[in-house]
Protein backbone atom coordinates (compact mmCIF):
# COMPACT_ATOMS: atom_id res chain seq x y z
CA MET A 1 -2.19 -37.70 51.32
CA ILE A 2 -1.13 -36.22 47.98
CA LEU A 3 -0.28 -32.83 49.47
CA LYS A 4 1.84 -34.47 52.17
CA LEU A 5 3.72 -36.52 49.58
CA GLU A 6 4.19 -33.44 47.40
CA LYS A 7 5.56 -31.41 50.34
CA THR A 8 8.05 -34.19 51.09
CA ASN A 9 9.10 -34.21 47.45
CA GLU A 10 9.79 -30.47 47.50
CA GLU A 11 11.84 -30.80 50.70
CA ILE A 12 13.98 -33.55 49.18
CA ILE A 13 14.49 -31.68 45.91
CA GLU A 14 15.63 -28.61 47.86
CA LYS A 15 18.43 -30.68 49.45
CA PHE A 16 19.94 -31.27 46.02
CA ASN A 17 20.63 -27.51 45.80
CA TYR A 18 19.61 -26.42 42.30
CA ASP A 19 21.73 -23.23 42.54
CA LYS A 20 24.90 -25.27 43.09
CA TYR A 21 24.40 -27.35 39.94
CA TYR A 22 23.46 -24.29 37.91
CA LYS A 23 26.58 -22.38 38.98
CA LEU A 24 28.73 -25.42 38.20
CA LYS A 25 27.12 -25.48 34.73
CA ASP A 26 25.85 -28.99 35.35
CA TYR A 27 22.84 -28.24 33.19
CA LYS A 28 21.61 -31.84 33.06
CA MET A 29 21.07 -31.85 36.82
CA ALA A 30 19.81 -28.26 36.89
CA SER A 31 17.27 -28.81 34.13
CA SER A 32 16.06 -32.07 35.69
CA LEU A 33 15.55 -30.51 39.11
CA ASN A 34 13.86 -27.49 37.52
CA ALA A 35 11.51 -29.71 35.51
CA ILE A 36 10.46 -31.63 38.62
CA ASN A 37 9.82 -28.38 40.49
CA ILE A 38 7.64 -27.09 37.66
CA SER A 39 5.76 -30.40 37.58
CA ASN A 40 5.08 -30.11 41.29
CA GLU A 41 3.53 -26.69 40.72
CA ILE A 42 1.37 -28.10 37.92
CA ILE A 43 0.18 -30.89 40.21
CA LYS A 44 -0.69 -28.37 42.92
CA ALA A 45 -2.57 -26.26 40.38
CA TYR A 46 -4.49 -29.32 39.23
CA LEU A 47 -5.53 -30.16 42.79
CA LYS A 48 -6.85 -26.67 43.58
CA LYS A 49 -10.52 -26.61 44.46
CA GLU A 50 -11.96 -24.13 42.02
CA GLU A 51 -15.59 -23.63 41.13
CA GLY A 52 -16.97 -22.84 37.72
CA LEU A 53 -14.49 -24.83 35.63
CA ASP A 54 -15.92 -25.75 32.26
CA ASP A 55 -15.02 -28.80 30.15
CA ALA A 56 -12.17 -26.96 28.42
CA ASP A 57 -10.60 -25.94 31.75
CA VAL A 58 -10.66 -29.50 33.06
CA ALA A 59 -9.31 -30.93 29.77
CA LEU A 60 -6.47 -28.39 29.82
CA ARG A 61 -5.53 -29.48 33.32
CA VAL A 62 -5.54 -33.17 32.38
CA TYR A 63 -3.25 -32.47 29.41
CA ALA A 64 -0.86 -30.48 31.59
CA LEU A 65 -0.89 -33.07 34.37
CA LEU A 66 -0.10 -36.04 32.11
CA GLN A 67 2.72 -34.16 30.40
CA ALA A 68 4.11 -33.00 33.76
CA LEU A 69 4.19 -36.54 35.17
CA PHE A 70 5.75 -37.84 31.97
CA VAL A 71 8.49 -35.19 32.09
CA SER A 72 9.11 -35.81 35.80
CA VAL A 73 9.75 -39.51 35.29
CA ASP A 74 12.20 -38.71 32.49
CA SER A 75 13.93 -36.18 34.77
CA LEU A 76 14.35 -38.82 37.49
CA TYR A 77 16.21 -41.01 35.02
CA GLN A 78 18.46 -38.08 34.09
CA ILE A 79 19.26 -37.38 37.75
CA ALA A 80 20.22 -41.03 38.20
CA LEU A 81 22.49 -40.90 35.16
CA SER A 82 24.09 -37.65 36.30
CA LEU A 83 24.92 -38.84 39.81
CA THR A 84 25.65 -42.53 39.24
CA SER A 85 26.28 -42.93 35.48
CA SER A 86 23.70 -45.70 35.67
CA LYS A 87 19.96 -46.28 35.65
CA SER A 88 20.31 -48.99 38.29
CA PHE A 89 18.89 -46.71 40.97
CA ILE A 90 15.52 -46.20 39.37
CA ASN A 91 13.06 -48.91 38.58
CA ILE A 92 9.82 -47.37 37.35
CA ASN A 93 8.78 -50.71 35.86
CA SER A 94 8.04 -52.09 39.32
CA ASN A 95 5.11 -49.67 39.69
CA LYS A 96 2.09 -50.66 37.59
CA ASN A 97 0.61 -47.15 37.40
CA LEU A 98 3.87 -45.56 36.29
CA ARG A 99 4.53 -48.35 33.78
CA GLU A 100 1.29 -47.41 32.09
CA LEU A 101 1.83 -43.63 32.32
CA LYS A 102 3.81 -43.43 29.07
CA TYR A 103 1.06 -45.17 27.11
CA ILE A 104 -1.72 -43.08 28.68
CA ARG A 105 0.16 -39.88 27.90
CA ASN A 106 0.82 -40.95 24.30
CA ASP A 107 -2.80 -42.01 23.80
CA VAL A 108 -4.37 -38.85 25.20
CA VAL A 109 -1.81 -36.08 24.69
CA GLY A 110 1.00 -37.33 22.47
CA HIS A 111 -0.54 -38.82 19.33
CA PRO A 112 -4.32 -39.33 19.72
CA SER A 113 -4.99 -39.04 15.98
CA ASN A 114 -1.97 -41.06 14.96
CA ARG A 115 -1.70 -44.12 17.17
CA VAL A 116 -0.42 -47.46 15.91
CA VAL A 117 -1.86 -50.73 17.21
CA CYS A 118 0.20 -53.71 16.10
CA HIS A 119 1.22 -51.59 13.11
CA ASP A 120 -2.33 -50.81 12.06
CA ASN A 121 -3.71 -47.28 12.30
CA ALA A 122 -5.66 -46.47 15.44
CA TYR A 123 -7.24 -43.38 16.95
CA CYS A 124 -7.77 -42.25 20.53
CA ILE A 125 -10.90 -40.31 21.44
CA LEU A 126 -11.00 -38.69 24.88
CA ASP A 127 -14.43 -38.57 26.53
CA TYR A 128 -14.11 -34.80 26.67
CA SER A 129 -17.44 -33.91 28.30
CA ASN A 130 -17.12 -36.37 31.19
CA ILE A 131 -13.66 -35.54 32.53
CA THR A 132 -13.61 -35.00 36.29
CA LYS A 133 -10.80 -34.16 38.70
CA GLU A 134 -10.90 -37.78 39.83
CA LYS A 135 -10.87 -39.68 36.53
CA PHE A 136 -11.24 -39.61 32.76
CA CYS A 137 -11.98 -42.17 30.05
CA TYR A 138 -10.83 -42.61 26.49
CA THR A 139 -11.42 -45.12 23.72
CA ILE A 140 -8.94 -46.44 21.16
CA TYR A 141 -10.53 -47.32 17.82
CA GLN A 142 -8.76 -49.53 15.29
CA GLU A 143 -9.44 -49.56 11.58
CA ASP A 144 -10.40 -53.24 11.74
CA GLY A 145 -13.36 -52.36 13.98
CA LYS A 146 -11.82 -53.25 17.34
CA LYS A 147 -12.10 -50.77 20.18
CA GLU A 148 -10.98 -50.54 23.81
CA THR A 149 -12.15 -48.10 26.48
CA LYS A 150 -9.83 -47.23 29.37
CA THR A 151 -10.54 -45.44 32.64
CA VAL A 152 -7.69 -43.55 34.32
CA TYR A 153 -7.89 -42.70 38.03
CA ILE A 154 -5.85 -39.54 38.46
CA GLU A 155 -5.11 -39.81 42.18
CA ASP A 156 -3.56 -43.26 41.64
CA LEU A 157 -1.13 -41.80 39.09
CA ILE A 158 -0.13 -38.86 41.28
CA VAL A 159 0.31 -40.92 44.46
CA SER A 160 2.35 -43.56 42.59
CA TYR A 161 4.61 -40.89 41.16
CA PHE A 162 5.29 -39.18 44.49
CA ILE A 163 5.91 -42.44 46.38
CA GLU A 164 8.43 -43.67 43.82
CA SER A 165 10.02 -40.25 43.34
CA ASN A 166 10.45 -39.66 47.07
CA ASN A 167 11.97 -43.09 47.75
CA PHE A 168 14.28 -42.80 44.79
CA LEU A 169 15.48 -39.26 45.54
CA LYS A 170 16.12 -40.09 49.22
CA GLU A 171 18.33 -42.96 48.18
CA LEU A 172 20.19 -40.81 45.68
CA LEU A 173 20.93 -38.27 48.40
CA ASN A 174 22.63 -41.05 50.35
CA VAL A 175 24.53 -42.29 47.32
CA ASN A 176 25.63 -38.78 46.45
CA SER A 177 27.03 -38.22 49.94
CA ILE A 178 28.94 -41.52 50.19
CA LYS A 179 31.31 -42.26 47.31
CA GLN A 180 32.50 -45.86 47.56
CA ASP A 181 34.92 -47.94 45.56
CA LYS A 182 32.89 -50.51 43.66
CA LYS A 183 35.80 -52.85 42.87
CA GLU A 184 34.82 -55.20 45.70
CA LEU A 185 31.27 -55.38 44.37
CA ILE A 186 32.38 -56.04 40.80
CA ASP A 187 34.85 -58.75 41.85
CA LYS A 188 32.23 -60.43 44.02
CA TYR A 189 29.66 -60.46 41.27
CA THR A 190 32.14 -61.62 38.62
CA SER A 191 32.66 -64.69 40.79
CA VAL A 192 28.88 -65.29 40.84
CA ILE A 193 28.42 -65.24 37.10
CA LYS A 194 31.53 -67.34 36.43
CA ARG A 195 30.18 -69.99 38.79
CA PHE A 196 26.95 -70.04 36.83
CA TYR A 197 28.72 -70.55 33.50
CA ASN A 198 30.89 -73.31 34.98
CA TYR A 199 27.82 -75.20 36.26
CA LEU A 200 28.76 -74.60 39.91
CA ASP A 201 26.47 -73.55 42.77
CA TYR A 202 25.96 -69.86 42.02
CA LYS A 203 22.89 -69.14 44.18
CA GLN A 204 24.71 -68.99 47.50
CA ALA A 205 27.36 -66.74 45.95
CA LEU A 206 24.57 -64.55 44.54
CA ASP A 207 22.96 -64.27 47.98
CA GLU A 208 26.31 -63.30 49.48
CA PHE A 209 26.75 -60.65 46.79
CA ILE A 210 23.34 -59.18 47.63
CA ASP A 211 24.33 -59.06 51.32
CA LEU A 212 27.45 -57.12 50.32
CA TYR A 213 25.42 -54.85 48.01
CA MET A 214 23.14 -53.95 50.92
CA THR A 215 26.15 -52.77 52.94
CA TYR A 216 26.78 -50.25 50.16
CA TYR A 217 23.11 -49.22 49.93
CA PRO A 218 21.52 -50.13 53.30
CA SER A 219 18.22 -48.36 52.69
CA ALA A 220 17.72 -49.76 49.19
CA ASN A 221 14.67 -51.72 48.13
CA LYS A 222 13.68 -53.41 44.89
CA SER A 223 11.35 -50.59 43.85
CA GLN A 224 14.39 -48.30 43.68
CA HIS A 225 17.33 -50.49 42.67
CA ARG A 226 17.32 -52.48 39.46
CA VAL A 227 19.98 -54.78 40.88
CA LEU A 228 17.67 -55.83 43.71
CA TRP A 229 14.70 -56.02 41.36
CA ARG A 230 16.54 -58.37 39.02
CA TYR A 231 17.70 -60.45 41.99
CA GLU A 232 14.04 -60.84 42.96
CA LEU A 233 13.23 -61.84 39.38
CA ILE A 234 15.86 -64.59 39.55
CA CYS A 235 14.41 -65.87 42.82
CA HIS A 236 10.98 -65.84 41.22
CA LEU A 237 12.24 -67.85 38.24
CA LEU A 238 13.92 -70.40 40.50
CA ARG A 239 10.58 -71.00 42.22
CA TYR A 240 8.92 -71.85 38.89
CA ASN A 241 7.24 -75.22 39.35
CA THR A 242 7.64 -77.59 36.41
CA LYS A 243 8.69 -81.17 35.71
CA SER A 244 9.32 -80.48 32.03
CA LYS A 245 13.01 -80.53 31.08
CA GLU A 246 12.28 -78.15 28.19
CA GLU A 247 10.61 -75.63 30.52
CA LYS A 248 13.45 -75.99 33.04
CA ASP A 249 15.95 -75.17 30.26
CA ILE A 250 13.94 -72.06 29.38
CA ILE A 251 13.88 -70.95 33.01
CA LEU A 252 17.64 -71.46 33.31
CA HIS A 253 18.20 -69.40 30.16
CA ALA A 254 16.05 -66.59 31.58
CA VAL A 255 18.12 -66.72 34.79
CA ARG A 256 21.28 -66.43 32.70
CA LEU A 257 19.99 -63.29 30.98
CA GLU A 258 19.05 -61.74 34.34
CA LEU A 259 22.51 -62.51 35.74
CA GLU A 260 24.12 -60.81 32.76
CA LYS A 261 21.85 -57.77 33.19
CA ILE A 262 22.93 -57.46 36.83
CA TYR A 263 26.58 -57.58 35.76
CA GLU A 264 25.99 -54.69 33.36
CA LEU A 265 24.38 -52.69 36.16
CA VAL A 266 27.16 -53.38 38.65
CA ALA A 267 30.18 -53.11 36.34
CA GLY A 268 28.79 -50.55 33.93
CA ILE A 269 29.94 -52.56 30.89
CA PRO A 270 28.38 -55.40 28.85
CA PHE A 271 29.07 -58.91 30.09
CA SER A 272 31.50 -60.96 28.00
CA ILE A 273 32.85 -64.47 28.61
CA GLU A 274 34.44 -67.10 26.40
CA ILE A 275 32.34 -69.89 27.90
CA SER A 276 29.03 -70.29 26.07
CA ARG A 277 25.79 -72.13 26.70
CA ARG A 278 23.49 -73.54 24.07
CA LEU A 279 20.07 -72.00 23.64
CA PRO A 280 17.11 -74.07 24.85
CA ARG A 281 15.53 -75.98 21.95
CA SER A 282 12.25 -74.07 22.20
CA ILE A 283 13.89 -70.62 22.14
CA SER A 284 16.20 -71.67 19.30
CA ALA A 285 13.15 -72.78 17.28
CA PHE A 286 11.47 -69.47 18.10
CA TYR A 287 14.47 -67.53 16.78
CA HIS A 288 14.53 -69.64 13.61
CA THR A 289 10.86 -68.82 13.02
CA LEU A 290 11.59 -65.11 13.36
CA ASN A 291 14.52 -65.47 10.94
CA ARG A 292 12.28 -67.16 8.36
CA HIS A 293 9.48 -64.62 8.83
CA PRO A 294 10.95 -61.10 8.96
CA GLU A 295 7.41 -59.75 8.56
CA LEU A 296 6.92 -60.73 12.24
CA HIS A 297 9.66 -58.34 13.37
CA ILE A 298 7.22 -55.43 13.41
CA TYR A 299 5.50 -57.02 16.42
CA LEU A 300 8.68 -57.29 18.49
CA ASP A 301 8.59 -53.59 19.41
CA ASN A 302 5.38 -54.24 21.37
CA LEU A 303 7.10 -57.00 23.36
CA THR A 304 9.96 -54.95 24.81
CA ASN A 305 7.73 -53.69 27.62
CA THR A 306 5.26 -56.03 29.29
CA ALA A 307 3.10 -53.03 30.21
CA ASP A 308 2.57 -52.26 26.52
CA PRO A 309 -1.20 -52.53 25.96
CA LEU A 310 -0.48 -54.32 22.68
CA PHE A 311 1.77 -56.98 24.24
CA PHE A 312 -0.77 -59.78 24.12
CA GLU A 313 -2.01 -58.98 20.64
CA ALA A 314 1.54 -58.90 19.29
CA ILE A 315 2.63 -62.19 20.85
CA SER A 316 -0.61 -63.82 19.71
CA LYS A 317 0.19 -62.93 16.09
CA ILE A 318 3.64 -64.50 16.39
CA TYR A 319 2.15 -67.52 18.15
CA LYS A 320 -0.17 -68.26 15.21
CA VAL A 321 2.75 -68.49 12.81
CA CYS A 322 4.76 -70.72 15.17
CA GLN A 323 1.70 -72.91 15.66
CA MET A 324 1.26 -73.34 11.90
CA GLU A 325 4.90 -74.38 11.60
CA GLY A 326 4.41 -76.91 14.40
CA ASN A 327 7.84 -76.46 15.97
CA SER A 328 8.89 -76.56 19.62
CA SER A 329 8.77 -72.75 19.99
CA ILE A 330 5.18 -73.24 21.20
CA VAL A 331 6.51 -74.50 24.54
CA TYR A 332 8.27 -71.21 25.18
CA LEU A 333 5.45 -69.00 23.93
CA ASN A 334 2.89 -70.91 26.02
CA MET A 335 4.92 -70.10 29.14
CA VAL A 336 4.96 -66.38 28.29
CA ILE A 337 1.24 -66.31 27.48
CA LYS A 338 0.32 -68.20 30.66
CA ALA A 339 2.31 -65.76 32.79
CA TYR A 340 0.55 -62.88 31.01
CA LYS A 341 -2.91 -64.35 31.63
CA ASP A 342 -1.98 -65.00 35.27
CA LEU A 343 -1.07 -61.28 35.59
CA ASN A 344 2.35 -62.33 36.86
CA SER A 345 4.24 -59.21 35.79
CA ASP A 346 7.67 -60.25 37.14
CA LEU A 347 7.53 -63.64 35.44
CA ILE A 348 6.25 -62.12 32.20
CA TYR A 349 9.19 -59.73 32.12
CA SER A 350 11.81 -62.41 32.78
CA LEU A 351 10.34 -64.87 30.30
CA ALA A 352 10.13 -62.14 27.66
CA LEU A 353 13.86 -61.34 27.92
CA PRO A 354 14.78 -63.87 25.17
CA ILE A 355 12.39 -61.98 22.89
CA ILE A 356 14.10 -58.69 23.72
CA SER A 357 17.50 -60.34 23.21
CA TYR A 358 16.68 -61.56 19.71
CA LYS A 359 19.04 -60.10 17.10
CA ARG A 360 17.04 -59.10 14.03
CA LYS A 361 18.56 -60.01 10.69
């Protein structure tokens, strides 16, 4: 399966015509395509069936493979930026294995002797003598005595990369061959978000916008397009089942943030409107707690990505302070923590947006 996916990847990359970009001195595209080609060769080298490999040989291959995958993902983002001036066509976060790739690479290859866990020193030790072509294990040790062992299945990483890369690159080929005026899209979506801020029915207008968007990108899916992914997040939020007015206000605020993110993706500029909406009481209390306790700001970096292995530990530390203060921020944090424990990645991300949006003072 991997070899078939890799062959497809090479065929798609060839259609982008590296020589053309190089001759045009479009070095961003040329270097990105070149990096992906080199990564493909590294993957093929890793998969070769060779006898007599010792521990050092296998470790060397794991290091090279993780770095190659890491570089390839970065190159995909650069291709998207070069061709569309936007990252809206790549959505690595929708793939669990690729979301975790950055952290695995940093643990094992990037900074094993200088990791930071919730701003305490930590150290990664690779189980060097038990690496196989199929998997490897490593343990993160913290200075407070905590430790965590992780097992990484290599085929899962490679397959995930090729599936996402192939889908994404195919779509970019279509986008690159059909240049369309986006004014209609921007006008349509501006109407959606204005309806939301004026307390009008925005959902039907949003659905109509998505129908129009799909005429521009008929083969798109949410794993490739951030616009479609965020639309799915909004639908997920609107299905949130609660009778609590405070929780409903939090959900509506999260929807608002998603709508603004979609505008930025479609229009290519930050959203700005004179009409304002008050923050939900629970989120406002949460922000006030962060303002009073700047020492908590160091944990916010671990909450910008729900795949961060330190996400739960960081939010738990903030939760303890909010709990001691006894304010309504607990309502909001309980929703985030419940979504995390339920392994509901889409809901976790949307509910965590107010944390990401917090302006540090």
